[in-house]
Amino acid sequence: MSGNDHLVIFDTTLRDGEQSPGATMNKAEKLRIAKALEKLRVDVIEAGFAIASQGDFEAIKSIAETIKESTICSLARALDKDIDRAAEAIRPAERGRIHTFIATSPIHMKHKLQMQPDEVIEQAVRAVKRSRSHVDDVEFSCEDAGRSELDFLCRIIEAAIDAGANTINIPDTVGYAIPEQFAETIHQLLNRIPNADKAIFSVHCHNDLGLAVANSLAAVTRGARQVECTINGLGERAGNASLEEIVMAVRTRQDLFNIDTRIDARHIVPASRLVSTITGFPVQPNKAIVGANAFAHESGIHQDGVLKHRETYEIMRAEDVGWHTNSLVLGKHSGRNAFRTRLLELGIQFETETELNEAFTRFKALADLKHEIFDEDLQAIASDTRQKDEDGRYGLVCLQVCSETGVVPKATMTLTMDGKEHKVDAEGSGPVDATFKAIESLVDSGCNLQLYSVNNITSGTDAQGEVTVRLERGGRIVNGVGADTDIIIASAKAYIEALNLISRVGIRQHPQVADV
């Protein structure tokens, strides 16, 4: 197969990554991430699950119309309506793929599908054939393969390949596998299935036991030639295999892996920060490759060694994964054209001149507050501008907070609700608590605050603070993100964005719990 000359990177940040509670992205945000993935030279971008919602369908179609260098894929259950909807969404793509799946473990077949094994094979074959009637590139997944019986996997995969599947995915759906055992499963499948040479074998590992990357790499050593992964390891529950860790492990240990990816690793850190900003899921400082401490050395012995010879304590160059992009790019004297050019380099493009002008005004205001403007600041400005331009029930007009030793903190603010201004105030245990109580005194949302997180976007006391607020209501979870050099204002922006998100209709349907 053509994929055997390199390790195919299948990014599912926009589909499986979006299934993280509160990580739902709108069409514009998905398109921004897709452009970053294209710049990374990702082979396959799984842009969504077309039948899940109209929003998902439109996002996939927009990505298919825009992205030229990567294959655009949509997920589909082994159902005609799913497959036809996926085909319609990816039709504009220069290279399109339908990814269809059905559960193959005894527990899933009995309790979820309520089907006999032979019925599952018949449905899988029908799904692959219908997918091939739309596109030449079809991937078939055995959901919960990690807990499936090997003999049955051999049967259904052989049938799927005969029906036209040219990629076979073996997912460890619940993160149950152990590296040595998972690698042996891949080895057995490749050796026992008569037509295995007619397909690329793929793995999709979840991180419930912290082994997603280890399992994926073990599978590669035994013949897997596609890895499904996400930026920052984003995904439901404990997440997916991390794209950056897969790519750099294979590239760094070429003495063990006789294959490499086509990824342009210089764009890894910018892509990581973009995904973090859009989803509101911060990257922990000690995260491999993209964490703030990934190339930092505290120990005097380590520092001395690195200064004498970098490779004493560093197995990769920070510049090779994009850390050199964290540099001053613009300042208060920079013009509008330079601003627009740098945004384009970051994969940020506004649909209207009005949006660009609004973002430029915010840039100038920020440049007056802090001397150094970094790429992360620009990404935050872009996100903040888009949030303001989107229709929402609530908006922040102004905020005044009083916090003084020995005095109960008080927040006074003016909010818009359905286009009308309201002045509200409240007291709280701290300035943020008073701000949130002031908002709730007007909106009475009935939401539960599940997370309040503050991170600095860049270094320095003049850095913008980025606040993530996670709200839950009626089982629906959303993340709101706000950024400002004033952390209290950033907090208010984040809370209001979360309220706007949770007030919108149309909840994305989860593919693995939807009725079959």
Protein backbone atom coordinates (compact mmCIF):
# COMPACT_ATOMS: atom_id res chain seq x y z
CA MET A 1 0.00 0.00 0.00
CA SER A 2 1.17 3.57 -0.71
CA GLY A 3 0.90 4.45 3.00
CA ASN A 4 3.61 1.96 3.97
CA ASP A 5 6.39 4.34 2.93
CA HIS A 6 5.55 6.64 5.84
CA LEU A 7 3.51 6.67 9.03
CA VAL A 8 0.15 8.24 8.26
CA ILE A 9 -0.99 10.80 10.83
CA PHE A 10 -4.79 10.87 11.15
CA ASP A 11 -5.80 13.83 13.30
CA THR A 12 -9.15 13.64 15.03
CA THR A 13 -8.95 16.80 17.16
CA LEU A 14 -12.03 18.18 15.39
CA ARG A 15 -14.07 15.03 15.93
CA ASP A 16 -12.94 12.88 18.86
CA GLY A 17 -11.18 15.79 20.53
CA GLU A 18 -14.38 17.79 20.37
CA GLN A 19 -16.09 15.11 22.45
CA SER A 20 -14.27 16.37 25.55
CA PRO A 21 -16.93 17.88 27.82
CA GLY A 22 -17.17 21.56 26.98
CA ALA A 23 -14.80 21.43 23.98
CA THR A 24 -17.43 21.97 21.29
CA MET A 25 -16.17 24.28 18.54
CA ASN A 26 -18.08 26.36 16.02
CA LYS A 27 -17.46 26.31 12.28
CA ALA A 28 -15.03 29.23 12.24
CA GLU A 29 -12.98 27.74 15.06
CA LYS A 30 -12.87 24.33 13.39
CA LEU A 31 -11.70 25.93 10.16
CA ARG A 32 -8.89 27.77 11.97
CA ILE A 33 -7.68 24.52 13.51
CA ALA A 34 -7.99 22.69 10.18
CA LYS A 35 -5.72 25.30 8.56
CA ALA A 36 -3.18 24.79 11.35
CA LEU A 37 -3.34 21.02 10.78
CA GLU A 38 -2.80 21.52 7.06
CA LYS A 39 0.26 23.65 7.83
CA LEU A 40 1.48 20.79 10.03
CA ARG A 41 1.11 18.54 6.95
CA VAL A 42 -1.33 16.18 8.66
CA ASP A 43 -2.24 13.40 6.22
CA VAL A 44 -5.90 12.99 7.21
CA ILE A 45 -8.12 15.46 9.08
CA GLU A 46 -11.23 13.90 10.61
CA ALA A 47 -13.32 17.05 10.47
CA GLY A 48 -16.36 15.77 12.34
CA PHE A 49 -19.36 13.48 12.42
CA ALA A 50 -21.61 14.80 9.68
CA ILE A 51 -24.92 13.44 10.93
CA ALA A 52 -24.37 14.56 14.54
CA SER A 53 -25.73 18.04 13.86
CA GLN A 54 -26.25 20.63 11.14
CA GLY A 55 -23.32 22.55 12.62
CA ASP A 56 -21.03 19.56 12.29
CA PHE A 57 -22.13 19.02 8.69
CA GLU A 58 -21.52 22.65 7.74
CA ALA A 59 -18.11 22.68 9.44
CA ILE A 60 -16.98 19.56 7.57
CA LYS A 61 -18.20 20.97 4.28
CA SER A 62 -16.43 24.29 4.89
CA ILE A 63 -13.19 22.49 5.71
CA ALA A 64 -13.57 20.29 2.62
CA GLU A 65 -13.97 23.41 0.47
CA THR A 66 -10.93 25.13 1.99
CA ILE A 67 -8.23 22.56 2.78
CA LYS A 68 -6.27 21.33 -0.23
CA GLU A 69 -3.24 19.44 1.10
CA SER A 70 -4.87 17.00 3.56
CA THR A 71 -7.50 14.30 3.09
CA ILE A 72 -10.79 15.37 4.70
CA CYS A 73 -12.70 12.67 6.54
CA SER A 74 -16.11 12.36 8.17
CA LEU A 75 -17.14 9.72 10.66
CA ALA A 76 -20.25 7.63 9.98
CA ARG A 77 -21.91 4.76 11.78
CA ALA A 78 -22.55 1.68 9.66
CA LEU A 79 -25.89 3.13 8.58
CA ASP A 80 -27.00 4.35 5.14
CA LYS A 81 -28.18 7.74 6.45
CA ASP A 82 -24.86 8.38 8.19
CA ILE A 83 -22.79 7.37 5.18
CA ASP A 84 -24.80 9.42 2.71
CA ARG A 85 -24.61 12.48 4.96
CA ALA A 86 -20.85 12.06 5.34
CA ALA A 87 -20.45 11.75 1.58
CA GLU A 88 -22.39 14.95 1.03
CA ALA A 89 -20.27 16.84 3.57
CA ILE A 90 -16.89 15.83 2.12
CA ARG A 91 -17.94 16.10 -1.54
CA PRO A 92 -16.09 19.42 -2.13
CA ALA A 93 -12.78 17.95 -0.90
CA GLU A 94 -9.96 17.28 -3.31
CA ARG A 95 -9.37 14.08 -1.34
CA GLY A 96 -12.22 12.75 0.78
CA ARG A 97 -12.57 9.76 3.10
CA ILE A 98 -15.55 8.14 4.79
CA HIS A 99 -14.75 6.52 8.14
CA THR A 100 -17.44 4.03 9.07
CA PHE A 101 -17.51 1.94 12.24
CA ILE A 102 -19.41 -0.72 14.12
CA ALA A 103 -18.82 -2.31 17.54
CA THR A 104 -17.14 -5.72 17.58
CA SER A 105 -16.65 -6.62 21.26
CA PRO A 106 -19.04 -9.17 22.81
CA ILE A 107 -20.23 -6.65 25.42
CA HIS A 108 -21.03 -4.01 22.76
CA MET A 109 -22.67 -6.42 20.33
CA LYS A 110 -24.87 -7.90 23.05
CA HIS A 111 -25.85 -4.83 25.06
CA LYS A 112 -25.55 -1.89 22.66
CA LEU A 113 -26.19 -3.28 19.18
CA GLN A 114 -28.28 -6.26 20.30
CA MET A 115 -27.04 -8.11 17.23
CA GLN A 116 -25.49 -11.50 16.54
CA PRO A 117 -21.88 -11.59 15.27
CA ASP A 118 -22.90 -12.64 11.76
CA GLU A 119 -25.35 -9.73 11.60
CA VAL A 120 -22.60 -7.34 12.60
CA ILE A 121 -20.38 -8.60 9.78
CA GLU A 122 -23.23 -8.24 7.27
CA GLN A 123 -23.89 -4.66 8.35
CA ALA A 124 -20.19 -3.80 8.21
CA VAL A 125 -19.91 -5.12 4.66
CA ARG A 126 -23.00 -3.16 3.56
CA ALA A 127 -21.57 -0.01 5.11
CA VAL A 128 -18.20 -0.35 3.41
CA LYS A 129 -19.79 -1.06 0.03
CA ARG A 130 -22.11 1.92 0.34
CA SER A 131 -19.18 4.11 1.35
CA ARG A 132 -17.21 2.91 -1.68
CA SER A 133 -20.13 3.89 -3.90
CA HIS A 134 -19.39 7.49 -2.85
CA VAL A 135 -15.58 7.61 -2.49
CA ASP A 136 -12.54 5.49 -3.21
CA ASP A 137 -11.00 6.09 0.23
CA VAL A 138 -12.87 4.16 2.94
CA GLU A 139 -11.79 3.44 6.48
CA PHE A 140 -13.47 0.79 8.60
CA SER A 141 -13.18 0.71 12.40
CA CYS A 142 -13.90 -2.12 14.81
CA GLU A 143 -15.19 -0.17 17.78
CA ASP A 144 -13.91 -1.54 21.11
CA ALA A 145 -11.42 -3.75 19.28
CA GLY A 146 -9.30 -3.77 22.43
CA ARG A 147 -11.90 -6.01 24.09
CA SER A 148 -12.92 -7.94 20.96
CA GLU A 149 -12.20 -11.62 20.27
CA LEU A 150 -9.27 -12.06 17.88
CA ASP A 151 -10.98 -14.69 15.72
CA PHE A 152 -13.99 -12.44 15.19
CA LEU A 153 -11.76 -9.46 14.38
CA CYS A 154 -10.06 -11.54 11.69
CA ARG A 155 -13.41 -12.48 10.17
CA ILE A 156 -14.94 -9.01 10.07
CA ILE A 157 -11.75 -7.29 8.88
CA GLU A 158 -11.25 -9.77 6.04
CA ALA A 159 -14.85 -9.16 4.96
CA ALA A 160 -14.45 -5.38 5.20
CA ILE A 161 -11.31 -5.40 3.05
CA ASP A 162 -13.03 -7.61 0.47
CA ALA A 163 -15.90 -5.09 0.43
CA GLY A 164 -13.50 -2.24 -0.39
CA ALA A 165 -12.06 -0.83 2.84
CA ASN A 166 -8.49 0.35 2.25
CA THR A 167 -7.77 1.42 5.85
CA ILE A 168 -8.58 -0.79 8.84
CA ASN A 169 -8.63 0.87 12.23
CA ILE A 170 -8.14 -1.03 15.48
CA PRO A 171 -9.37 1.26 18.29
CA ASP A 172 -8.68 0.76 21.96
CA THR A 173 -11.95 2.59 22.57
CA VAL A 174 -11.94 2.41 26.36
CA GLY A 175 -8.18 2.59 26.98
CA TYR A 176 -8.02 -1.03 28.16
CA ALA A 177 -4.96 -2.27 26.27
CA ILE A 178 -1.38 -2.79 27.48
CA PRO A 179 1.43 -2.07 24.98
CA GLU A 180 2.89 -5.57 24.58
CA GLN A 181 -0.55 -7.16 24.31
CA PHE A 182 -1.86 -4.50 21.89
CA ALA A 183 1.21 -4.83 19.67
CA GLU A 184 0.74 -8.59 19.54
CA THR A 185 -2.90 -8.10 18.49
CA ILE A 186 -1.77 -5.98 15.52
CA HIS A 187 0.90 -8.56 14.64
CA GLN A 188 -1.63 -11.41 14.75
CA LEU A 189 -4.15 -9.56 12.60
CA LEU A 190 -1.56 -8.72 9.95
CA ASN A 191 -0.39 -12.32 9.80
CA ARG A 192 -3.71 -14.15 10.08
CA ILE A 193 -5.92 -12.12 7.73
CA PRO A 194 -5.34 -13.36 4.14
CA ASN A 195 -5.96 -9.98 2.46
CA ALA A 196 -4.27 -7.81 5.11
CA ASP A 197 -1.74 -6.62 2.54
CA LYS A 198 -4.52 -4.81 0.69
CA ALA A 199 -5.14 -2.30 3.51
CA ILE A 200 -3.27 0.05 5.81
CA PHE A 201 -3.74 -0.92 9.45
CA SER A 202 -4.41 1.93 11.85
CA VAL A 203 -4.66 2.33 15.63
CA HIS A 204 -6.76 4.71 17.72
CA CYS A 205 -5.88 4.58 21.41
CA HIS A 206 -7.50 6.23 24.40
CA ASN A 207 -5.60 7.28 27.48
CA ASP A 208 -7.68 5.90 30.36
CA LEU A 209 -4.63 4.11 31.79
CA GLY A 210 -2.16 6.71 30.54
CA LEU A 211 -0.98 4.34 27.79
CA ALA A 212 -2.43 5.80 24.59
CA VAL A 213 0.92 6.90 23.15
CA ALA A 214 2.72 3.78 24.39
CA ASN A 215 0.09 1.50 22.85
CA SER A 216 0.17 3.40 19.56
CA LEU A 217 3.96 3.26 19.30
CA ALA A 218 4.01 -0.42 20.22
CA ALA A 219 1.53 -1.07 17.40
CA VAL A 220 3.75 0.82 14.94
CA THR A 221 6.67 -1.47 15.77
CA ARG A 222 4.50 -4.44 14.74
CA GLY A 223 3.20 -3.05 11.46
CA ALA A 224 0.55 -0.39 12.06
CA ARG A 225 1.03 2.36 9.49
CA GLN A 226 -1.55 4.93 10.59
CA VAL A 227 -1.95 6.48 14.03
CA GLU A 228 -5.10 8.36 15.01
CA CYS A 229 -4.31 11.13 17.48
CA THR A 230 -5.16 14.66 18.59
CA ILE A 231 -3.37 17.90 19.35
CA ASN A 232 -2.49 18.04 23.08
CA GLY A 233 -4.04 14.56 23.48
CA LEU A 234 -7.47 16.22 23.59
CA GLY A 235 -10.41 13.83 23.83
CA GLU A 236 -13.20 12.46 25.94
CA ARG A 237 -12.45 11.03 29.36
CA ALA A 238 -8.64 10.94 29.73
CA GLY A 239 -8.10 11.86 26.09
CA ASN A 240 -6.48 10.37 23.01
CA ALA A 241 -2.94 9.66 21.92
CA SER A 242 -1.08 12.96 21.63
CA LEU A 243 -0.07 13.88 18.07
CA GLU A 244 3.03 15.77 19.17
CA GLU A 245 4.27 12.89 21.31
CA ILE A 246 3.70 10.30 18.56
CA VAL A 247 5.44 12.39 15.92
CA MET A 248 8.47 13.32 18.01
CA ALA A 249 8.90 9.86 19.53
CA VAL A 250 9.08 8.28 16.08
CA ARG A 251 11.37 11.03 14.77
CA THR A 252 13.68 11.04 17.80
CA ARG A 253 14.03 7.25 17.97
CA GLN A 254 14.78 6.43 14.35
CA ASP A 255 17.08 3.72 15.70
CA LEU A 256 13.93 1.80 16.68
CA PHE A 257 11.34 2.99 14.15
CA ASN A 258 12.15 2.34 10.51
CA ILE A 259 9.53 4.84 9.40
CA ASP A 260 8.78 8.55 9.85
CA THR A 261 5.85 10.91 9.41
CA ARG A 262 5.46 13.78 6.96
CA ILE A 263 4.66 16.25 9.75
CA ASP A 264 6.37 19.66 9.70
CA ALA A 265 7.14 19.69 13.41
CA ARG A 266 8.01 23.40 13.46
CA HIS A 267 4.27 24.11 13.61
CA ILE A 268 3.50 21.83 16.57
CA VAL A 269 3.68 24.45 19.34
CA PRO A 270 1.57 27.07 17.46
CA ALA A 271 -1.07 24.39 16.72
CA SER A 272 -1.05 23.32 20.37
CA ARG A 273 -1.63 26.87 21.58
CA LEU A 274 -4.37 27.49 19.04
CA VAL A 275 -6.28 24.38 20.14
CA SER A 276 -5.81 25.28 23.79
CA THR A 277 -7.08 28.83 23.23
CA ILE A 278 -10.13 27.75 21.25
CA THR A 279 -11.22 24.86 23.46
CA GLY A 280 -10.33 26.42 26.81
CA PHE A 281 -8.31 23.34 27.79
CA PRO A 282 -4.96 24.66 29.07
CA VAL A 283 -1.78 22.67 28.53
CA GLN A 284 -0.16 21.65 31.81
CA PRO A 285 3.39 23.02 32.21
CA ASN A 286 4.99 19.57 32.36
CA LYS A 287 3.25 18.28 29.23
CA ALA A 288 5.74 16.62 26.88
CA ILE A 289 6.80 18.62 23.80
CA VAL A 290 4.35 21.53 24.18
CA GLY A 291 4.30 22.23 27.93
CA ALA A 292 5.92 25.43 29.17
CA ASN A 293 8.50 23.39 31.12
CA ALA A 294 9.22 20.88 28.34
CA PHE A 295 12.58 22.48 27.58
CA ALA A 296 13.16 24.24 30.92
CA HIS A 297 15.93 23.16 33.31
CA GLU A 298 15.77 23.88 37.04
CA SER A 299 18.55 21.63 38.28
CA GLY A 300 21.97 23.29 38.39
CA ILE A 301 23.56 20.08 37.12
CA HIS A 302 21.15 19.99 34.17
CA GLN A 303 21.68 23.67 33.41
CA ASP A 304 25.44 23.27 33.45
CA GLY A 305 25.25 20.26 31.17
CA VAL A 306 22.96 21.92 28.65
CA LEU A 307 25.17 25.01 28.51
CA LYS A 308 28.21 22.84 27.80
CA HIS A 309 26.48 20.57 25.29
CA ARG A 310 22.72 20.67 24.64
CA GLU A 311 22.33 16.93 24.08
CA THR A 312 23.47 16.11 27.61
CA TYR A 313 19.91 16.70 28.82
CA GLU A 314 17.85 17.51 25.72
CA ILE A 315 16.93 14.83 23.19
CA MET A 316 15.18 17.33 20.89
CA ARG A 317 15.78 20.93 19.86
CA ALA A 318 13.07 23.29 21.11
CA GLU A 319 13.20 25.11 17.78
CA ASP A 320 12.33 21.92 15.89
CA VAL A 321 8.85 21.79 17.41
CA GLY A 322 8.10 25.49 17.10
CA TRP A 323 9.25 27.04 20.36
CA HIS A 324 11.24 29.64 18.46
CA THR A 325 7.94 31.18 17.35
CA ASN A 326 7.47 32.50 20.91
CA SER A 327 9.21 35.77 20.04
CA LEU A 328 8.36 39.41 19.62
CA VAL A 329 6.63 39.83 16.29
CA LEU A 330 4.73 43.11 16.60
CA GLY A 331 4.69 46.25 18.70
CA LYS A 332 2.72 49.45 19.19
CA HIS A 333 4.25 51.01 16.07
CA SER A 334 3.36 48.10 13.80
CA GLY A 335 0.93 48.90 11.00
CA ARG A 336 -2.29 47.28 9.90
CA ASN A 337 -0.67 45.39 7.01
CA ALA A 338 1.99 43.86 9.26
CA PHE A 339 -0.76 42.87 11.67
CA ARG A 340 -2.81 41.21 8.91
CA THR A 341 0.26 39.44 7.50
CA ARG A 342 1.23 37.92 10.85
CA LEU A 343 -2.34 36.75 11.45
CA LEU A 344 -2.32 34.99 8.07
CA GLU A 345 0.96 33.29 8.99
CA LEU A 346 -0.80 32.02 12.11
CA GLY A 347 -3.71 30.72 10.04
CA ILE A 348 -6.08 33.46 11.23
CA GLN A 349 -8.21 35.14 8.59
CA PHE A 350 -11.25 37.29 9.23
CA GLU A 351 -14.26 37.05 6.94
CA THR A 352 -14.90 40.80 6.85
CA GLU A 353 -12.87 43.99 7.00
CA THR A 354 -15.01 45.04 9.96
CA GLU A 355 -13.75 42.06 11.98
CA LEU A 356 -10.15 42.81 10.96
CA ASN A 357 -10.52 46.46 11.96
CA GLU A 358 -12.01 45.48 15.32
CA ALA A 359 -9.11 43.07 15.94
CA PHE A 360 -6.56 45.74 14.94
CA THR A 361 -8.14 48.20 17.37
CA ARG A 362 -7.83 45.59 20.13
CA PHE A 363 -4.21 44.97 19.14
CA LYS A 364 -3.37 48.68 19.41
CA ALA A 365 -5.08 48.90 22.79
CA LEU A 366 -3.14 45.87 24.04
CA ALA A 367 0.15 47.29 22.67
CA ASP A 368 -0.40 50.38 24.83
CA LEU A 369 -0.68 48.12 27.90
CA LYS A 370 2.18 45.71 27.23
CA HIS A 371 5.37 46.34 25.30
CA GLU A 372 5.83 42.88 23.79
CA ILE A 373 3.09 41.34 21.66
CA PHE A 374 3.47 37.60 21.10
CA ASP A 375 1.72 35.14 18.79
CA GLU A 376 -0.35 33.89 21.72
CA ASP A 377 -1.60 37.42 22.30
CA LEU A 378 -2.67 37.67 18.65
CA GLN A 379 -4.54 34.37 18.87
CA ALA A 380 -6.34 35.59 21.99
CA ILE A 381 -7.25 38.86 20.24
CA ALA A 382 -8.67 36.94 17.28
CA SER A 383 -10.74 34.67 19.53
CA ASP A 384 -12.00 37.61 21.59
CA THR A 385 -12.99 39.51 18.45
CA ARG A 386 -14.93 36.58 17.04
CA GLN A 387 -16.72 36.03 20.35
CA LYS A 388 -17.84 39.66 20.40
CA ASP A 389 -19.07 39.51 16.80
CA GLU A 390 -21.12 36.36 17.32
CA ASP A 391 -24.71 36.82 18.34
CA GLY A 392 -25.24 36.22 22.04
CA ARG A 393 -27.86 37.03 24.61
CA TYR A 394 -25.38 38.60 26.98
CA GLY A 395 -22.54 41.09 26.66
CA LEU A 396 -20.19 43.01 28.95
CA VAL A 397 -20.34 46.80 28.67
CA CYS A 398 -18.30 47.88 31.69
CA LEU A 399 -17.13 46.53 35.03
CA GLN A 400 -15.93 48.15 38.26
CA VAL A 401 -14.67 46.06 41.16
CA CYS A 402 -13.70 47.20 44.64
CA SER A 403 -11.37 44.92 46.60
CA GLU A 404 -9.79 46.26 49.77
CA THR A 405 -8.36 44.72 52.90
CA GLY A 406 -11.06 44.43 55.56
CA VAL A 407 -13.86 45.38 53.14
CA VAL A 408 -16.28 42.96 51.46
CA PRO A 409 -15.46 42.96 47.69
CA LYS A 410 -18.13 44.47 45.47
CA ALA A 411 -18.68 44.38 41.71
CA THR A 412 -20.73 46.90 39.75
CA MET A 413 -21.26 46.16 36.10
CA THR A 414 -23.33 47.03 33.08
CA LEU A 415 -24.48 44.08 30.98
CA THR A 416 -26.53 43.75 27.84
CA MET A 417 -29.26 41.11 27.78
CA ASP A 418 -31.19 40.65 24.54
CA GLY A 419 -29.90 44.03 23.37
CA LYS A 420 -30.89 46.02 26.46
CA GLU A 421 -28.45 47.40 29.04
CA HIS A 422 -28.81 46.59 32.73
CA LYS A 423 -26.73 47.82 35.65
CA VAL A 424 -26.20 45.26 38.39
CA ASP A 425 -24.03 44.90 41.47
CA ALA A 426 -23.22 42.24 44.03
CA GLU A 427 -20.89 41.39 46.89
CA GLY A 428 -18.78 38.26 47.17
CA SER A 429 -15.96 36.54 49.01
CA GLY A 430 -13.52 37.93 46.45
CA PRO A 431 -13.56 40.14 43.34
CA VAL A 432 -14.20 37.21 40.96
CA ASP A 433 -16.95 35.80 43.17
CA ALA A 434 -18.59 39.26 43.34
CA THR A 435 -18.36 39.58 39.54
CA PHE A 436 -20.00 36.21 38.91
CA LYS A 437 -22.72 36.90 41.47
CA ALA A 438 -23.44 40.24 39.79
CA ILE A 439 -23.90 38.47 36.45
CA GLU A 440 -26.12 35.81 37.97
CA SER A 441 -28.27 38.42 39.75
CA LEU A 442 -29.40 39.46 36.27
CA VAL A 443 -29.43 36.24 34.24
CA ASP A 444 -30.32 33.62 36.91
CA SER A 445 -28.96 30.92 34.59
CA GLY A 446 -29.37 27.90 36.85
CA CYS A 447 -25.87 26.77 35.86
CA ASN A 448 -23.37 24.97 38.05
CA LEU A 449 -19.80 26.30 37.95
CA GLN A 450 -17.60 23.24 37.44
CA LEU A 451 -14.25 24.83 36.68
CA TYR A 452 -12.54 28.19 37.08
CA SER A 453 -9.01 28.24 35.70
CA VAL A 454 -6.52 31.08 35.19
CA ASN A 455 -3.42 30.88 33.00
CA ASN A 456 -1.04 33.52 31.76
CA ILE A 457 -0.90 33.63 27.97
CA THR A 458 2.71 34.82 27.94
CA SER A 459 5.33 35.55 30.57
CA GLY A 460 5.69 38.76 32.56
CA THR A 461 3.53 40.74 34.95
CA ASP A 462 1.99 42.59 32.01
CA ALA A 463 0.85 39.36 30.35
CA GLN A 464 -2.73 38.77 29.35
CA GLY A 465 -4.54 36.41 31.66
CA GLU A 466 -6.65 33.72 30.07
CA VAL A 467 -9.59 32.48 32.12
CA THR A 468 -11.57 29.32 31.46
CA VAL A 469 -15.03 28.91 32.98
CA ARG A 470 -16.87 25.60 32.71
CA LEU A 471 -20.64 25.64 33.29
CA GLU A 472 -23.08 22.76 33.45
CA ARG A 473 -26.85 22.85 33.08
CA GLY A 474 -29.17 19.95 32.48
CA GLY A 475 -26.30 17.62 31.59
CA ARG A 476 -24.87 20.00 28.99
CA ILE A 477 -21.33 21.28 29.61
CA VAL A 478 -19.66 24.28 27.97
CA ASN A 479 -16.34 26.09 28.32
CA GLY A 480 -16.12 29.86 28.12
CA VAL A 481 -12.77 31.57 27.58
CA GLY A 482 -11.85 35.21 28.17
CA ALA A 483 -8.54 37.06 27.92
CA ASP A 484 -7.46 40.44 29.20
CA THR A 485 -4.56 42.07 31.01
CA ASP A 486 -7.06 42.57 33.86
CA ILE A 487 -7.86 39.11 35.22
CA ILE A 488 -11.23 40.20 36.65
CA ILE A 489 -12.39 41.45 33.25
CA ALA A 490 -11.08 38.24 31.68
CA SER A 491 -13.15 36.30 34.23
CA ALA A 492 -16.31 38.24 33.37
CA LYS A 493 -15.73 37.68 29.63
CA ALA A 494 -15.26 33.94 30.16
CA TYR A 495 -18.40 33.58 32.28
CA ILE A 496 -20.49 35.56 29.79
CA GLU A 497 -19.17 33.54 26.86
CA ALA A 498 -20.08 30.31 28.65
CA LEU A 499 -23.60 31.65 29.29
CA ASN A 500 -23.98 32.53 25.61
CA LEU A 501 -22.83 29.07 24.59
CA ILE A 502 -25.16 27.25 26.94
CA SER A 503 -28.13 29.40 25.89
CA ARG A 504 -27.81 28.41 22.25
CA VAL A 505 -30.03 25.67 20.88
CA GLY A 506 -28.79 22.59 19.07
CA ILE A 507 -26.83 20.11 21.14
CA ARG A 508 -24.29 18.01 19.28
CA GLN A 509 -25.22 14.33 19.21
CA HIS A 510 -22.54 11.93 20.40
CA PRO A 511 -21.92 9.20 17.80
CA GLN A 512 -21.27 6.43 20.30
CA VAL A 513 -24.48 6.86 22.27
CA ALA A 514 -26.81 7.78 19.43
CA ASP A 515 -29.49 5.28 18.56
CA VAL A 516 -28.46 2.73 15.95
